[in-house]
């Protein structure tokens, strides 16, 4: 849905980008919003192990019909802790 008004920009206008260009109004002068960079679940949890991969394995395996959102994060944290303990 686009609620912004459209205005045909004339040829002599300062903001002309070509004949027949339609400028969109209604953004409040903020301009185009910059898309935010995606942040992985591993980064959010502060883990080195890949939470997305572990979640995919949990869902693909026949462990349960449904897997909670926090299960992969918790399992990744436990596996990372155990790996760190073995390396010490």
N, C-alpha and C. Protein backbone atom coordinates (compact mmCIF):
# COMPACT_ATOMS: atom_id res chain seq x y z
N UNK A 1 0.84 -1.17 0.00
CA UNK A 1 0.00 0.00 0.00
C UNK A 1 0.88 1.23 0.00
N UNK A 2 0.55 2.14 -0.86
CA UNK A 2 1.32 3.37 -0.95
C UNK A 2 0.38 4.53 -0.70
N UNK A 3 0.52 5.20 0.43
CA UNK A 3 -0.34 6.31 0.78
C UNK A 3 0.24 7.65 0.36
N UNK A 4 1.47 7.65 -0.14
CA UNK A 4 2.11 8.90 -0.53
C UNK A 4 1.50 9.45 -1.82
N UNK A 5 1.43 10.76 -1.92
CA UNK A 5 0.90 11.40 -3.12
C UNK A 5 1.96 11.37 -4.20
N UNK A 6 1.52 11.38 -5.44
CA UNK A 6 2.47 11.43 -6.55
C UNK A 6 2.31 12.74 -7.29
N UNK A 7 3.42 13.27 -7.75
CA UNK A 7 3.42 14.55 -8.46
C UNK A 7 4.29 14.39 -9.69
N UNK A 8 3.79 14.84 -10.82
CA UNK A 8 4.58 14.79 -12.05
C UNK A 8 5.59 15.94 -12.01
N UNK A 9 6.86 15.63 -12.20
CA UNK A 9 7.91 16.64 -12.15
C UNK A 9 8.07 17.22 -13.55
N UNK A 10 8.01 18.55 -13.63
CA UNK A 10 8.13 19.19 -14.94
C UNK A 10 9.58 19.17 -15.40
N UNK A 11 9.76 19.48 -16.67
CA UNK A 11 11.09 19.41 -17.27
C UNK A 11 12.05 20.43 -16.68
N UNK A 12 11.56 21.58 -16.24
CA UNK A 12 12.43 22.64 -15.75
C UNK A 12 12.68 22.58 -14.26
N UNK A 13 12.20 21.59 -13.58
CA UNK A 13 12.35 21.50 -12.13
C UNK A 13 13.79 21.16 -11.75
N UNK A 14 14.19 21.60 -10.56
CA UNK A 14 15.54 21.32 -10.07
C UNK A 14 15.76 19.84 -9.86
N UNK A 15 14.74 19.13 -9.39
CA UNK A 15 14.88 17.72 -9.05
C UNK A 15 14.53 16.82 -10.22
N UNK A 16 14.65 17.34 -11.42
CA UNK A 16 14.25 16.58 -12.60
C UNK A 16 15.19 15.40 -12.82
N UNK A 17 14.60 14.24 -13.02
CA UNK A 17 15.39 13.04 -13.30
C UNK A 17 15.04 12.49 -14.67
N UNK A 18 14.44 13.30 -15.48
CA UNK A 18 14.07 12.87 -16.81
C UNK A 18 12.63 13.24 -17.09
N UNK A 19 12.27 13.27 -18.35
CA UNK A 19 10.91 13.66 -18.70
C UNK A 19 9.90 12.61 -18.22
N UNK A 20 8.84 13.09 -17.61
CA UNK A 20 7.80 12.18 -17.15
C UNK A 20 8.11 11.49 -15.85
N UNK A 21 9.17 11.90 -15.16
CA UNK A 21 9.52 11.25 -13.88
C UNK A 21 8.49 11.61 -12.83
N UNK A 22 8.08 10.64 -12.04
CA UNK A 22 7.10 10.87 -10.99
C UNK A 22 7.81 10.83 -9.65
N UNK A 23 7.72 11.94 -8.91
CA UNK A 23 8.34 12.02 -7.59
C UNK A 23 7.31 11.61 -6.55
N UNK A 24 7.72 10.89 -5.53
CA UNK A 24 6.81 10.45 -4.48
C UNK A 24 6.97 11.38 -3.28
N UNK A 25 5.84 11.82 -2.76
CA UNK A 25 5.83 12.67 -1.59
C UNK A 25 5.26 11.88 -0.42
N UNK A 26 5.49 12.36 0.78
CA UNK A 26 4.90 11.73 1.94
C UNK A 26 5.89 11.02 2.84
N UNK A 27 7.17 11.11 2.54
CA UNK A 27 8.15 10.45 3.40
C UNK A 27 8.58 11.34 4.55
N UNK A 28 8.11 12.57 4.58
CA UNK A 28 8.43 13.47 5.68
C UNK A 28 9.85 14.00 5.62
N UNK A 29 10.49 13.96 4.48
CA UNK A 29 11.83 14.50 4.34
C UNK A 29 12.93 13.56 4.80
N UNK A 30 12.58 12.35 5.18
CA UNK A 30 13.59 11.42 5.67
C UNK A 30 14.31 10.72 4.53
N UNK A 31 13.73 10.74 3.36
CA UNK A 31 14.36 10.06 2.25
C UNK A 31 14.13 8.57 2.33
N UNK A 32 14.89 7.85 1.59
CA UNK A 32 14.73 6.40 1.55
C UNK A 32 15.33 5.77 2.80
N UNK A 33 14.60 4.85 3.38
CA UNK A 33 15.10 4.18 4.58
C UNK A 33 16.18 3.18 4.20
N UNK A 34 17.22 3.16 4.98
CA UNK A 34 18.30 2.21 4.75
C UNK A 34 17.90 0.87 5.33
N UNK A 35 18.10 -0.17 4.56
CA UNK A 35 17.74 -1.49 5.06
C UNK A 35 18.74 -1.91 6.13
N UNK A 36 18.21 -2.45 7.21
CA UNK A 36 19.09 -2.86 8.31
C UNK A 36 19.80 -4.14 7.94
N UNK A 37 21.02 -4.26 8.40
CA UNK A 37 21.81 -5.45 8.12
C UNK A 37 21.31 -6.59 8.99
N UNK A 38 21.16 -7.76 8.41
CA UNK A 38 20.64 -8.89 9.16
C UNK A 38 21.67 -9.38 10.18
N UNK A 39 21.17 -9.79 11.33
CA UNK A 39 22.02 -10.27 12.41
C UNK A 39 21.64 -11.71 12.69
N UNK A 40 22.63 -12.58 12.71
CA UNK A 40 22.35 -14.00 12.92
C UNK A 40 21.98 -14.27 14.37
N UNK A 41 21.30 -15.40 14.57
CA UNK A 41 20.93 -15.78 15.94
C UNK A 41 22.16 -16.12 16.76
N UNK A 42 23.20 -16.62 16.12
CA UNK A 42 24.45 -16.90 16.83
C UNK A 42 25.07 -15.62 17.37
N UNK A 43 25.04 -14.58 16.55
CA UNK A 43 25.61 -13.30 16.98
C UNK A 43 24.78 -12.69 18.10
N UNK A 44 23.46 -12.80 18.01
CA UNK A 44 22.60 -12.26 19.06
C UNK A 44 22.85 -12.96 20.38
N UNK A 45 23.10 -14.28 20.32
CA UNK A 45 23.32 -15.06 21.54
C UNK A 45 24.77 -15.00 21.99
N UNK A 46 25.66 -14.45 21.17
CA UNK A 46 27.07 -14.37 21.53
C UNK A 46 27.77 -15.71 21.46
N UNK A 47 27.39 -16.53 20.48
CA UNK A 47 27.95 -17.88 20.34
C UNK A 47 28.78 -17.99 19.08
N UNK A 48 29.69 -18.95 19.09
CA UNK A 48 30.49 -19.25 17.91
C UNK A 48 29.83 -20.33 17.06
N UNK A 49 29.12 -21.25 17.73
CA UNK A 49 28.44 -22.32 17.02
C UNK A 49 27.25 -21.73 16.26
N UNK A 50 26.96 -22.29 15.10
CA UNK A 50 25.89 -21.77 14.25
C UNK A 50 24.53 -22.27 14.73
N UNK A 51 23.73 -21.34 15.21
CA UNK A 51 22.41 -21.68 15.75
C UNK A 51 21.48 -22.10 14.62
N UNK A 52 21.56 -21.44 13.49
CA UNK A 52 20.69 -21.78 12.36
C UNK A 52 20.90 -23.19 11.86
N UNK A 53 22.14 -23.61 11.82
CA UNK A 53 22.44 -24.97 11.36
C UNK A 53 21.93 -26.00 12.34
N UNK A 54 22.12 -25.74 13.63
CA UNK A 54 21.63 -26.67 14.65
C UNK A 54 20.11 -26.74 14.62
N UNK A 55 19.45 -25.60 14.40
CA UNK A 55 17.99 -25.58 14.30
C UNK A 55 17.53 -26.40 13.10
N UNK A 56 18.24 -26.29 12.00
CA UNK A 56 17.89 -27.07 10.81
C UNK A 56 18.03 -28.56 11.07
N UNK A 57 19.09 -28.96 11.78
CA UNK A 57 19.27 -30.37 12.10
C UNK A 57 18.20 -30.87 13.07
N UNK A 58 17.82 -30.03 14.03
CA UNK A 58 16.77 -30.41 14.97
C UNK A 58 15.43 -30.60 14.26
N UNK A 59 15.12 -29.71 13.35
CA UNK A 59 13.85 -29.81 12.63
C UNK A 59 13.85 -30.97 11.65
N UNK A 60 14.99 -31.22 11.03
CA UNK A 60 15.08 -32.29 10.04
C UNK A 60 15.11 -33.67 10.66
N UNK A 61 15.67 -33.79 11.86
CA UNK A 61 15.72 -35.09 12.53
C UNK A 61 14.37 -35.46 13.10
N UNK A 62 14.22 -36.70 13.47
CA UNK A 62 12.94 -37.18 14.00
C UNK A 62 12.97 -37.17 15.52
N UNK A 63 13.30 -36.01 16.10
CA UNK A 63 13.37 -35.89 17.55
C UNK A 63 12.01 -35.54 18.13
N UNK A 64 11.31 -34.62 17.50
CA UNK A 64 9.99 -34.21 17.96
C UNK A 64 9.24 -33.59 16.77
N UNK A 65 7.91 -33.52 16.90
CA UNK A 65 7.13 -32.91 15.83
C UNK A 65 7.41 -31.42 15.73
N UNK A 66 7.55 -30.79 16.90
CA UNK A 66 7.79 -29.35 16.94
C UNK A 66 9.02 -29.06 17.77
N UNK A 67 9.77 -28.06 17.36
CA UNK A 67 10.99 -27.66 18.07
C UNK A 67 10.85 -26.19 18.42
N UNK A 68 11.07 -25.85 19.68
CA UNK A 68 10.94 -24.47 20.13
C UNK A 68 12.03 -23.58 19.56
N UNK A 69 11.77 -22.28 19.58
CA UNK A 69 12.72 -21.32 19.02
C UNK A 69 14.00 -21.25 19.84
N UNK A 70 13.91 -21.42 21.16
CA UNK A 70 15.08 -21.33 22.02
C UNK A 70 15.86 -22.61 22.14
N UNK A 71 15.31 -23.71 21.63
CA UNK A 71 15.97 -25.00 21.77
C UNK A 71 17.31 -25.03 21.05
N UNK A 72 17.35 -24.48 19.85
CA UNK A 72 18.59 -24.48 19.07
C UNK A 72 19.64 -23.59 19.72
N UNK A 73 19.22 -22.48 20.28
CA UNK A 73 20.15 -21.57 20.94
C UNK A 73 20.74 -22.24 22.17
N UNK A 74 19.89 -22.89 22.95
CA UNK A 74 20.34 -23.57 24.16
C UNK A 74 21.29 -24.71 23.82
N UNK A 75 20.93 -25.51 22.82
CA UNK A 75 21.78 -26.63 22.42
C UNK A 75 23.12 -26.14 21.87
N UNK A 76 23.11 -25.06 21.12
CA UNK A 76 24.36 -24.50 20.59
C UNK A 76 25.25 -24.02 21.73
N UNK A 77 24.64 -23.42 22.76
CA UNK A 77 25.43 -22.94 23.91
C UNK A 77 26.03 -24.12 24.67
N UNK A 78 25.26 -25.18 24.85
CA UNK A 78 25.77 -26.36 25.56
C UNK A 78 26.89 -27.01 24.77
N UNK A 79 26.71 -27.17 23.47
CA UNK A 79 27.75 -27.79 22.64
C UNK A 79 29.02 -26.94 22.62
N UNK A 80 28.85 -25.64 22.57
CA UNK A 80 30.02 -24.76 22.58
C UNK A 80 30.76 -24.86 23.91
N UNK A 81 30.02 -24.93 25.00
CA UNK A 81 30.63 -25.07 26.32
C UNK A 81 31.40 -26.39 26.43
N UNK A 82 30.79 -27.47 25.97
CA UNK A 82 31.45 -28.78 26.04
C UNK A 82 32.70 -28.81 25.16
N UNK A 83 32.63 -28.20 24.00
CA UNK A 83 33.80 -28.16 23.12
C UNK A 83 34.92 -27.35 23.76
N UNK A 84 34.57 -26.26 24.44
CA UNK A 84 35.58 -25.45 25.11
C UNK A 84 36.21 -26.21 26.27
N UNK A 85 35.41 -27.00 26.99
CA UNK A 85 35.93 -27.79 28.11
C UNK A 85 36.87 -28.88 27.64
N UNK A 86 36.58 -29.48 26.51
CA UNK A 86 37.44 -30.54 25.98
C UNK A 86 38.77 -29.97 25.52
N UNK A 87 38.74 -28.77 24.97
CA UNK A 87 39.97 -28.16 24.44
C UNK A 87 40.89 -27.68 25.55
N UNK A 88 40.38 -27.48 26.74
CA UNK A 88 41.21 -26.97 27.84
C UNK A 88 42.09 -28.05 28.40
